[in-house]
N, C-alpha and C. Protein backbone atom coordinates (compact mmCIF):
# COMPACT_ATOMS: atom_id res chain seq x y z
N MET A 1 -41.64 30.25 -4.80
CA MET A 1 -41.52 29.04 -3.86
C MET A 1 -42.94 28.40 -3.91
N LEU A 2 -42.69 27.02 -3.86
CA LEU A 2 -43.97 26.25 -3.83
C LEU A 2 -44.37 25.74 -2.28
N SER A 3 -45.64 25.62 -2.14
CA SER A 3 -46.06 25.30 -0.74
C SER A 3 -47.30 24.49 -0.92
N TYR A 4 -47.56 23.73 0.06
CA TYR A 4 -48.68 22.93 -0.03
C TYR A 4 -49.13 22.70 1.58
N ASP A 5 -50.40 23.14 1.63
CA ASP A 5 -51.22 22.99 2.85
C ASP A 5 -51.96 21.63 3.05
N ALA A 6 -51.35 20.60 3.42
CA ALA A 6 -52.05 19.40 3.61
C ALA A 6 -52.98 19.27 4.82
N PRO A 7 -54.15 18.67 4.79
CA PRO A 7 -55.04 18.56 6.10
C PRO A 7 -54.22 17.72 7.03
N PRO A 8 -54.30 17.96 8.04
CA PRO A 8 -53.63 17.10 9.19
C PRO A 8 -53.98 15.58 9.13
N ALA A 9 -52.92 14.83 9.25
CA ALA A 9 -53.32 13.35 9.24
C ALA A 9 -54.04 12.86 10.31
N GLN A 10 -54.93 11.84 10.21
CA GLN A 10 -55.87 11.27 11.13
C GLN A 10 -54.98 10.13 11.82
N PRO A 11 -54.98 10.06 13.13
CA PRO A 11 -54.02 8.92 13.79
C PRO A 11 -54.45 7.67 13.48
N ALA A 12 -55.81 7.33 13.45
CA ALA A 12 -56.32 5.94 12.94
C ALA A 12 -56.01 5.64 11.52
N ARG A 13 -56.07 6.62 10.68
CA ARG A 13 -55.58 6.35 9.27
C ARG A 13 -54.09 5.97 9.16
N ARG A 14 -53.35 6.70 9.88
CA ARG A 14 -51.87 6.60 9.69
C ARG A 14 -51.51 5.30 10.40
N GLN A 15 -52.06 4.78 11.30
CA GLN A 15 -51.88 3.27 11.78
C GLN A 15 -52.22 2.35 10.69
N GLY A 16 -53.31 2.52 9.97
CA GLY A 16 -53.63 1.61 8.90
C GLY A 16 -52.70 1.50 7.92
N LEU A 17 -52.10 2.70 7.42
CA LEU A 17 -51.15 2.57 6.47
C LEU A 17 -49.81 1.99 6.79
N SER A 18 -49.41 2.14 8.16
CA SER A 18 -48.07 1.50 8.51
C SER A 18 -48.18 -0.15 8.54
N GLN A 19 -49.62 -0.52 8.80
CA GLN A 19 -49.86 -1.83 9.03
C GLN A 19 -50.05 -2.50 7.45
N THR A 20 -50.17 -1.71 6.52
CA THR A 20 -50.43 -2.36 5.27
C THR A 20 -49.22 -2.29 4.31
N ARG A 21 -48.14 -1.53 4.84
CA ARG A 21 -46.91 -1.60 4.04
C ARG A 21 -46.13 -2.67 4.13
N ARG A 22 -45.58 -3.11 2.85
CA ARG A 22 -44.66 -4.31 2.98
C ARG A 22 -43.44 -3.94 2.11
N ALA A 23 -42.41 -4.89 2.41
CA ALA A 23 -41.13 -4.47 1.78
C ALA A 23 -41.28 -4.97 0.37
N MET A 24 -40.77 -4.34 -0.57
CA MET A 24 -40.58 -4.56 -1.96
C MET A 24 -39.50 -5.59 -2.32
N PRO A 25 -39.59 -6.45 -2.98
CA PRO A 25 -38.61 -7.46 -3.26
C PRO A 25 -37.64 -6.52 -4.21
N GLN A 26 -36.47 -6.92 -4.10
CA GLN A 26 -35.27 -6.24 -4.85
C GLN A 26 -35.13 -7.08 -6.18
N LEU A 27 -35.28 -6.32 -7.21
CA LEU A 27 -35.04 -6.75 -8.72
C LEU A 27 -33.69 -6.81 -9.14
N ASN A 28 -33.24 -7.87 -9.54
CA ASN A 28 -31.83 -8.12 -10.09
C ASN A 28 -32.09 -8.00 -11.71
N LEU A 29 -31.41 -6.90 -12.08
CA LEU A 29 -31.58 -6.88 -13.58
C LEU A 29 -30.04 -7.36 -14.16
N ASN A 30 -30.15 -7.96 -15.24
CA ASN A 30 -29.00 -8.60 -15.85
C ASN A 30 -28.89 -7.95 -17.40
N PHE A 31 -27.94 -6.93 -17.32
CA PHE A 31 -27.79 -6.24 -18.68
C PHE A 31 -26.53 -6.67 -19.55
N THR A 32 -25.90 -7.75 -19.13
CA THR A 32 -24.73 -8.26 -19.75
C THR A 32 -24.94 -8.87 -20.96
N ASP A 33 -26.19 -9.36 -21.32
CA ASP A 33 -26.60 -9.97 -22.61
C ASP A 33 -26.86 -8.89 -23.61
N ILE A 34 -27.04 -7.74 -23.16
CA ILE A 34 -27.50 -6.67 -24.21
C ILE A 34 -26.25 -6.00 -24.81
N PRO A 35 -26.04 -6.07 -26.08
CA PRO A 35 -24.85 -5.36 -26.67
C PRO A 35 -24.83 -3.83 -26.56
N ILE A 36 -23.78 -3.23 -26.38
CA ILE A 36 -23.76 -1.72 -26.38
C ILE A 36 -23.15 -1.38 -27.66
N PRO A 37 -23.91 -0.43 -28.41
CA PRO A 37 -23.35 -0.34 -29.81
C PRO A 37 -21.92 0.43 -29.84
N GLU A 38 -21.56 1.27 -28.69
CA GLU A 38 -20.23 2.04 -28.73
C GLU A 38 -19.23 0.99 -28.62
N THR A 39 -19.28 -0.14 -28.08
CA THR A 39 -18.20 -1.16 -28.12
C THR A 39 -18.12 -1.62 -29.49
N HIS A 40 -18.87 -1.65 -30.21
CA HIS A 40 -18.62 -2.26 -31.62
C HIS A 40 -17.82 -1.16 -32.43
N VAL A 41 -18.12 -0.04 -32.29
CA VAL A 41 -17.33 1.02 -32.84
C VAL A 41 -15.93 0.93 -32.61
N TRP A 42 -15.67 0.96 -31.23
CA TRP A 42 -14.25 0.88 -30.68
C TRP A 42 -13.59 -0.49 -31.35
N GLU A 43 -14.29 -1.55 -31.32
CA GLU A 43 -13.82 -2.79 -31.95
C GLU A 43 -13.27 -2.79 -33.42
N GLN A 44 -14.13 -1.75 -34.21
CA GLN A 44 -13.93 -1.64 -35.52
C GLN A 44 -12.77 -0.87 -35.90
N MET A 45 -12.22 0.02 -35.01
CA MET A 45 -11.12 0.86 -35.24
C MET A 45 -9.89 -0.04 -35.27
N ASP A 46 -8.93 0.67 -36.27
CA ASP A 46 -7.56 -0.03 -35.98
C ASP A 46 -6.58 0.63 -34.92
N GLU A 47 -5.46 0.24 -34.82
CA GLU A 47 -4.68 0.81 -33.83
C GLU A 47 -4.25 2.34 -33.75
N PRO A 48 -3.99 2.80 -35.00
CA PRO A 48 -3.77 4.21 -35.13
C PRO A 48 -4.91 5.07 -34.73
N GLN A 49 -6.13 4.53 -35.37
CA GLN A 49 -7.57 5.22 -34.82
C GLN A 49 -7.60 5.25 -33.31
N LYS A 50 -7.45 4.26 -32.60
CA LYS A 50 -7.59 4.05 -31.37
C LYS A 50 -6.66 5.10 -30.60
N ARG A 51 -5.43 4.96 -31.14
CA ARG A 51 -4.43 5.91 -30.43
C ARG A 51 -4.81 7.46 -30.57
N ILE A 52 -5.47 7.93 -31.62
CA ILE A 52 -5.78 9.12 -31.74
C ILE A 52 -6.95 9.50 -30.94
N VAL A 53 -7.99 8.73 -30.68
CA VAL A 53 -8.94 8.79 -29.73
C VAL A 53 -8.59 8.84 -28.27
N ILE A 54 -7.65 8.15 -28.07
CA ILE A 54 -7.07 8.07 -26.52
C ILE A 54 -6.25 9.38 -26.33
N GLU A 55 -5.49 9.83 -27.32
CA GLU A 55 -4.75 11.04 -27.02
C GLU A 55 -5.75 12.28 -27.10
N ALA A 56 -6.82 12.19 -27.84
CA ALA A 56 -7.83 13.42 -27.61
C ALA A 56 -8.30 13.42 -26.48
N LEU A 57 -8.78 12.21 -25.83
CA LEU A 57 -9.46 12.10 -24.47
C LEU A 57 -8.40 12.62 -23.38
N ALA A 58 -7.15 12.05 -23.64
CA ALA A 58 -6.21 12.43 -22.69
C ALA A 58 -6.07 14.19 -22.47
N ARG A 59 -6.04 14.76 -23.79
CA ARG A 59 -5.93 16.21 -23.90
C ARG A 59 -7.06 16.91 -23.28
N LEU A 60 -8.29 16.30 -23.55
CA LEU A 60 -9.58 16.82 -22.93
C LEU A 60 -9.50 16.83 -21.42
N LEU A 61 -8.98 15.65 -20.86
CA LEU A 61 -9.24 15.43 -19.31
C LEU A 61 -7.98 16.37 -18.78
N THR A 62 -6.89 16.54 -19.33
CA THR A 62 -5.86 17.42 -18.85
C THR A 62 -6.41 18.90 -18.90
N LYS A 63 -7.05 19.37 -19.82
CA LYS A 63 -7.64 20.63 -19.90
C LYS A 63 -8.73 20.88 -18.95
N THR A 64 -9.54 19.89 -18.70
CA THR A 64 -10.55 19.88 -17.67
C THR A 64 -9.96 20.05 -16.22
N VAL A 65 -8.90 19.20 -16.01
CA VAL A 65 -8.35 19.33 -14.61
C VAL A 65 -7.55 20.65 -14.39
N ARG A 66 -6.92 21.11 -15.42
CA ARG A 66 -6.30 22.64 -15.33
C ARG A 66 -7.50 23.41 -14.96
N THR A 67 -8.34 23.39 -15.78
CA THR A 67 -9.48 24.32 -15.64
C THR A 67 -10.18 24.47 -14.18
N ASN A 68 -10.39 23.17 -13.72
CA ASN A 68 -11.04 22.99 -12.49
C ASN A 68 -10.00 23.64 -11.13
N HIS A 69 -8.74 23.26 -11.46
CA HIS A 69 -7.56 23.83 -10.48
C HIS A 69 -7.47 25.42 -10.33
N THR A 70 -7.78 26.07 -11.50
CA THR A 70 -7.60 27.54 -11.59
C THR A 70 -8.81 28.31 -11.11
N GLU A 71 -10.01 27.55 -11.10
CA GLU A 71 -11.04 28.38 -10.59
C GLU A 71 -11.02 28.61 -9.19
N PRO A 72 -11.56 29.71 -8.53
CA PRO A 72 -11.60 29.89 -7.05
C PRO A 72 -12.37 28.82 -6.39
N ASN A 73 -12.06 28.74 -5.17
CA ASN A 73 -12.95 27.64 -4.42
C ASN A 73 -14.12 28.43 -3.73
N HIS A 74 -15.12 28.10 -3.86
CA HIS A 74 -16.46 28.87 -3.42
C HIS A 74 -16.89 28.04 -2.01
N ASP A 75 -16.20 27.27 -1.48
CA ASP A 75 -16.60 26.69 -0.33
C ASP A 75 -16.83 27.40 1.00
C-alpha cells in the first residue's frame, strides 16, 4: 500500500490558493475533418465482403452475450 505523509496545510496559504484559482475555458475540438483510415477500408469492400464481416461480428457478439449470461453473478 502506498502512503504519503504531507505536512499540514497552513491556513494563510490555503486562502491564497483559493483566491488565485480561475476557471479554465472549455476547449471545443473538431475532429470531423480528420479522416479515419478504418472507414476507407469499409468503403473499399464489396457487398459480399461486407456481409461476411457483419456475420462474423454478429457471431462474436452472440458468443459474448451467451458467455456473460452463463457466468455466475458476483454482486
